[in-house]
Amino acid sequence: MKWQVRLSKRAVKNYQKLPQQIQERFKALALELRTTGPVQPQWPHYGKIQGMEKCYHCHIKPGDPHMSPFGKSPARTVWR
């Protein structure tokens, strides 16, 4: 069963402002999330957000400033 990846309107607007290289990394992450779900240990600095149930984050651009999308995993839906 595939997972759904949904973006909020604000996330879509911010995504469109990202550099092309970062957009490509996000697309790759979204594709992996769709096929294998919210647990992505092979991505750098990917992990569960402490104190928040079923919330995850990942650094898609390390350094300063870093870019970290985050998402929730309710009922087979991730990344809002």
Protein backbone atom coordinates (compact mmCIF):
# COMPACT_ATOMS: atom_id res chain seq x y z
CA MET A 1 0.00 0.00 0.00
CA LYS A 2 1.32 3.42 -0.91
CA TRP A 3 1.45 6.34 1.49
CA GLN A 4 0.06 9.79 0.66
CA VAL A 5 2.28 12.86 0.72
CA ARG A 6 0.30 16.06 1.14
CA LEU A 7 1.57 19.62 1.27
CA SER A 8 -0.21 22.53 2.87
CA LYS A 9 -0.78 25.66 0.76
CA ARG A 10 1.99 27.38 2.69
CA ALA A 11 4.37 24.48 2.02
CA VAL A 12 3.62 24.59 -1.72
CA LYS A 13 4.27 28.33 -1.78
CA ASN A 14 7.56 27.92 0.09
CA TYR A 15 8.57 24.95 -2.08
CA GLN A 16 8.26 27.07 -5.21
CA LYS A 17 10.76 29.54 -3.74
CA LEU A 18 13.42 26.89 -3.04
CA PRO A 19 16.52 26.51 -5.23
CA GLN A 20 16.17 23.81 -7.91
CA GLN A 21 18.66 21.48 -6.19
CA ILE A 22 16.65 21.56 -2.94
CA GLN A 23 13.39 20.99 -4.84
CA GLU A 24 14.95 17.87 -6.39
CA ARG A 25 16.01 16.56 -2.97
CA PHE A 26 12.52 17.16 -1.61
CA LYS A 27 10.98 15.33 -4.59
CA ALA A 28 13.28 12.37 -3.93
CA LEU A 29 12.32 12.34 -0.25
CA ALA A 30 8.60 12.57 -1.11
CA LEU A 31 8.95 9.64 -3.54
CA GLU A 32 10.59 7.49 -0.88
CA LEU A 33 7.94 8.48 1.65
CA ARG A 34 5.19 7.45 -0.78
CA THR A 35 6.68 4.03 -1.32
CA THR A 36 8.10 3.08 2.08
CA GLY A 37 6.41 5.34 4.65
CA PRO A 38 7.66 7.76 7.30
CA VAL A 39 10.69 5.84 8.56
CA GLN A 40 13.65 6.90 6.38
CA PRO A 41 16.87 6.10 8.28
CA GLN A 42 19.06 6.47 5.17
CA TRP A 43 18.34 10.22 4.95
CA PRO A 44 20.80 12.45 6.86
CA HIS A 45 19.57 13.68 10.22
CA TYR A 46 16.20 12.00 9.70
CA GLY A 47 14.37 11.19 12.86
CA LYS A 48 11.42 11.48 15.13
CA ILE A 49 10.72 14.84 16.73
CA GLN A 50 11.03 14.45 20.50
CA GLY A 51 7.84 15.10 22.44
CA MET A 52 5.58 14.94 19.38
CA GLU A 53 3.76 11.75 18.51
CA LYS A 54 4.31 10.45 14.97
CA CYS A 55 6.19 13.59 13.83
CA TYR A 56 9.43 13.40 11.84
CA HIS A 57 11.99 15.76 10.33
CA CYS A 58 14.89 15.52 7.90
CA HIS A 59 17.66 17.91 6.83
CA ILE A 60 17.43 18.13 3.03
CA LYS A 61 20.04 20.90 3.00
CA PRO A 62 22.73 20.71 5.67
CA GLY A 63 24.76 23.73 6.70
CA ASP A 64 23.58 27.22 7.42
CA PRO A 65 20.76 27.82 6.80
CA HIS A 66 19.60 24.22 6.78
CA MET A 67 16.22 23.23 5.38
CA SER A 68 14.22 20.69 7.35
CA PRO A 69 10.77 19.63 6.22
CA PHE A 70 8.74 17.89 8.86
CA GLY A 71 5.62 15.83 8.82
CA LYS A 72 3.06 13.82 10.66
CA SER A 73 2.14 10.21 10.10
CA PRO A 74 -1.58 9.84 10.85
CA ALA A 75 -3.29 6.95 9.07
CA ARG A 76 -0.82 6.47 6.21
CA THR A 77 -0.41 10.18 5.42
CA VAL A 78 2.91 11.94 5.79
CA TRP A 79 4.52 15.36 5.26
CA ARG A 80 2.17 18.28 5.47
